Amino acid sequence: MIEQIRSYMTTEDQTIEQLVQDPLASINHMVLPKGESIPALQTFSTAYMMVTEGILGLRLDRQREHLYSKGSIITIPAYTTLSISCRGGSTMKLFMIKPNEITQPIHHK
């Protein structure tokens, strides 16, 4: 078996878990219960947020908050400050994928 298998938590409790951290990309899984938010953070590379449940409230830099529902994929530019909140009546879940800079060639077998 050459593939790697990872799993993520299937909870309704507030969770931020790092699923993948390798030379190509990092993938985080986030769960926010109704009305919860996390402190503002800055992304140093382009980030892709994939909303899988609920409604994401997202504020980028000084923009007003925008709402994104299940099925939305949002591209966030590098060096952007983001604030994330759960909006709506249920738990919000998303995956954040961030490609890492490749500084050396990657050789595949």
C-alpha atoms as a PDB file:
ATOM      1  CA  MET A   1       0.000   0.000   0.000  1.00  0.00           C
ATOM      2  CA  ILE A   2       1.654   3.234  -1.098  1.00  0.00           C
ATOM      3  CA  GLU A   3      -1.105   5.673  -0.162  1.00  0.00           C
ATOM      4  CA  GLN A   4      -1.354   7.320   3.227  1.00  0.00           C
ATOM      5  CA  ILE A   5      -4.680   7.340   5.039  1.00  0.00           C
ATOM      6  CA  ARG A   6      -5.647  10.167   7.365  1.00  0.00           C
ATOM      7  CA  SER A   7      -8.875  10.781   9.189  1.00  0.00           C
ATOM      8  CA  TYR A   8     -10.487  13.856  10.687  1.00  0.00           C
ATOM      9  CA  MET A   9     -12.732  14.319  13.676  1.00  0.00           C
ATOM     10  CA  THR A  10     -16.474  14.063  13.120  1.00  0.00           C
ATOM     11  CA  THR A  11     -17.561  16.188  16.057  1.00  0.00           C
ATOM     12  CA  GLU A  12     -19.864  19.114  16.677  1.00  0.00           C
ATOM     13  CA  ASP A  13     -17.435  20.555  19.276  1.00  0.00           C
ATOM     14  CA  GLN A  14     -15.054  23.397  18.430  1.00  0.00           C
ATOM     15  CA  THR A  15     -12.023  21.845  16.755  1.00  0.00           C
ATOM     16  CA  ILE A  16      -9.041  22.991  14.748  1.00  0.00           C
ATOM     17  CA  GLU A  17      -6.871  20.099  13.657  1.00  0.00           C
ATOM     18  CA  GLN A  18      -3.902  19.872  11.345  1.00  0.00           C
ATOM     19  CA  LEU A  19      -4.405  16.892   9.052  1.00  0.00           C
ATOM     20  CA  VAL A  20      -1.506  17.216   6.620  1.00  0.00           C
ATOM     21  CA  GLN A  21       1.795  19.065   6.834  1.00  0.00           C
ATOM     22  CA  ASP A  22       4.216  18.074   4.110  1.00  0.00           C
ATOM     23  CA  PRO A  23       6.442  19.764   1.496  1.00  0.00           C
ATOM     24  CA  LEU A  24       3.571  20.191  -0.968  1.00  0.00           C
ATOM     25  CA  ALA A  25       0.656  21.396   1.159  1.00  0.00           C
ATOM     26  CA  SER A  26      -0.970  21.697   4.535  1.00  0.00           C
ATOM     27  CA  ILE A  27      -4.591  20.797   5.227  1.00  0.00           C
ATOM     28  CA  ASN A  28      -6.489  21.870   8.334  1.00  0.00           C
ATOM     29  CA  HIS A  29      -9.981  20.889   9.435  1.00  0.00           C
ATOM     30  CA  MET A  30     -12.076  23.345  11.422  1.00  0.00           C
ATOM     31  CA  VAL A  31     -15.371  22.922  13.284  1.00  0.00           C
ATOM     32  CA  LEU A  32     -17.130  25.901  14.886  1.00  0.00           C
ATOM     33  CA  PRO A  33     -20.421  25.520  16.780  1.00  0.00           C
ATOM     34  CA  LYS A  34     -23.232  28.037  16.284  1.00  0.00           C
ATOM     35  CA  GLY A  35     -22.155  31.580  17.279  1.00  0.00           C
ATOM     36  CA  GLU A  36     -18.471  30.692  17.841  1.00  0.00           C
ATOM     37  CA  SER A  37     -15.460  32.356  16.207  1.00  0.00           C
ATOM     38  CA  ILE A  38     -11.682  32.203  16.325  1.00  0.00           C
ATOM     39  CA  PRO A  39      -9.254  35.100  16.758  1.00  0.00           C
ATOM     40  CA  ALA A  40      -7.980  36.821  13.627  1.00  0.00           C
ATOM     41  CA  LEU A  41      -5.010  35.145  11.962  1.00  0.00           C
ATOM     42  CA  GLN A  42      -2.821  35.867   8.968  1.00  0.00           C
ATOM     43  CA  THR A  43      -2.125  33.483   6.129  1.00  0.00           C
ATOM     44  CA  PHE A  44       1.353  33.707   4.622  1.00  0.00           C
ATOM     45  CA  SER A  45       0.463  31.732   1.496  1.00  0.00           C
ATOM     46  CA  THR A  46      -2.608  31.462  -0.690  1.00  0.00           C
ATOM     47  CA  ALA A  47      -5.311  29.509   1.144  1.00  0.00           C
ATOM     48  CA  TYR A  48      -8.363  27.653  -0.098  1.00  0.00           C
ATOM     49  CA  MET A  49     -11.336  27.219   2.244  1.00  0.00           C
ATOM     50  CA  MET A  50     -13.899  24.533   1.435  1.00  0.00           C
ATOM     51  CA  VAL A  51     -17.115  24.835   3.456  1.00  0.00           C
ATOM     52  CA  THR A  52     -18.626  21.386   4.044  1.00  0.00           C
ATOM     53  CA  GLU A  53     -21.395  22.253   6.553  1.00  0.00           C
ATOM     54  CA  GLY A  54     -23.159  25.315   7.876  1.00  0.00           C
ATOM     55  CA  ILE A  55     -22.476  28.976   7.124  1.00  0.00           C
ATOM     56  CA  LEU A  56     -19.003  30.533   7.319  1.00  0.00           C
ATOM     57  CA  GLY A  57     -18.705  34.210   8.266  1.00  0.00           C
ATOM     58  CA  LEU A  58     -15.417  35.445   6.782  1.00  0.00           C
ATOM     59  CA  ARG A  59     -13.832  38.876   7.152  1.00  0.00           C
ATOM     60  CA  LEU A  60     -10.672  39.519   5.106  1.00  0.00           C
ATOM     61  CA  ASP A  61      -8.418  42.399   6.118  1.00  0.00           C
ATOM     62  CA  ARG A  62     -10.707  45.434   6.562  1.00  0.00           C
ATOM     63  CA  GLN A  63     -13.557  44.217   4.355  1.00  0.00           C
ATOM     64  CA  ARG A  64     -16.982  43.650   5.799  1.00  0.00           C
ATOM     65  CA  GLU A  65     -17.915  40.088   6.683  1.00  0.00           C
ATOM     66  CA  HIS A  66     -19.195  37.882   3.864  1.00  0.00           C
ATOM     67  CA  LEU A  67     -21.192  34.691   4.330  1.00  0.00           C
ATOM     68  CA  TYR A  68     -20.457  31.426   2.531  1.00  0.00           C
ATOM     69  CA  SER A  69     -22.558  28.264   2.714  1.00  0.00           C
ATOM     70  CA  LYS A  70     -21.925  24.554   2.285  1.00  0.00           C
ATOM     71  CA  GLY A  71     -20.321  23.835  -1.082  1.00  0.00           C
ATOM     72  CA  SER A  72     -18.417  27.143  -1.280  1.00  0.00           C
ATOM     73  CA  ILE A  73     -14.699  27.193  -2.079  1.00  0.00           C
ATOM     74  CA  ILE A  74     -13.020  30.506  -1.246  1.00  0.00           C
ATOM     75  CA  THR A  75      -9.526  31.500  -2.446  1.00  0.00           C
ATOM     76  CA  ILE A  76      -7.706  33.803  -0.030  1.00  0.00           C
ATOM     77  CA  PRO A  77      -4.581  35.664  -1.168  1.00  0.00           C
ATOM     78  CA  ALA A  78      -1.311  35.351   0.729  1.00  0.00           C
ATOM     79  CA  TYR A  79      -0.616  37.877   3.512  1.00  0.00           C
ATOM     80  CA  THR A  80      -4.295  38.376   4.291  1.00  0.00           C
ATOM     81  CA  THR A  81      -5.689  38.685   7.805  1.00  0.00           C
ATOM     82  CA  LEU A  82      -8.832  36.631   8.235  1.00  0.00           C
ATOM     83  CA  SER A  83     -11.499  36.332  10.899  1.00  0.00           C
ATOM     84  CA  ILE A  84     -13.669  33.216  10.886  1.00  0.00           C
ATOM     85  CA  SER A  85     -17.096  32.818  12.515  1.00  0.00           C
ATOM     86  CA  CYS A  86     -19.963  30.360  12.466  1.00  0.00           C
ATOM     87  CA  ARG A  87     -23.160  32.038  11.265  1.00  0.00           C
ATOM     88  CA  GLY A  88     -26.598  30.532  10.897  1.00  0.00           C
ATOM     89  CA  GLY A  89     -28.348  27.980  13.042  1.00  0.00           C
ATOM     90  CA  SER A  90     -25.967  25.023  12.966  1.00  0.00           C
ATOM     91  CA  THR A  91     -22.324  23.995  13.272  1.00  0.00           C
ATOM     92  CA  MET A  92     -19.953  25.170  10.527  1.00  0.00           C
ATOM     93  CA  LYS A  93     -17.250  22.855   9.167  1.00  0.00           C
ATOM     94  CA  LEU A  94     -14.514  23.558   6.643  1.00  0.00           C
ATOM     95  CA  PHE A  95     -11.173  22.421   5.309  1.00  0.00           C
ATOM     96  CA  MET A  96      -8.353  24.898   4.687  1.00  0.00           C
ATOM     97  CA  ILE A  97      -5.751  23.886   2.112  1.00  0.00           C
ATOM     98  CA  LYS A  98      -2.529  25.859   1.772  1.00  0.00           C
ATOM     99  CA  PRO A  99       0.104  24.991  -0.836  1.00  0.00           C
ATOM    100  CA  ASN A 100       3.657  25.250   0.465  1.00  0.00           C
ATOM    101  CA  GLU A 101       6.444  26.868  -1.497  1.00  0.00           C
ATOM    102  CA  ILE A 102       8.653  24.352  -3.228  1.00  0.00           C
ATOM    103  CA  THR A 103      12.278  25.335  -2.773  1.00  0.00           C
ATOM    104  CA  GLN A 104      13.825  22.159  -4.195  1.00  0.00           C
ATOM    105  CA  PRO A 105      12.704  19.873  -7.011  1.00  0.00           C
ATOM    106  CA  ILE A 106      10.535  16.981  -5.892  1.00  0.00           C
ATOM    107  CA  HIS A 107      11.515  13.644  -7.389  1.00  0.00           C
ATOM    108  CA  HIS A 108       8.912  10.920  -7.727  1.00  0.00           C
ATOM    109  CA  LYS A 109       9.745   7.236  -7.952  1.00  0.00           C
END
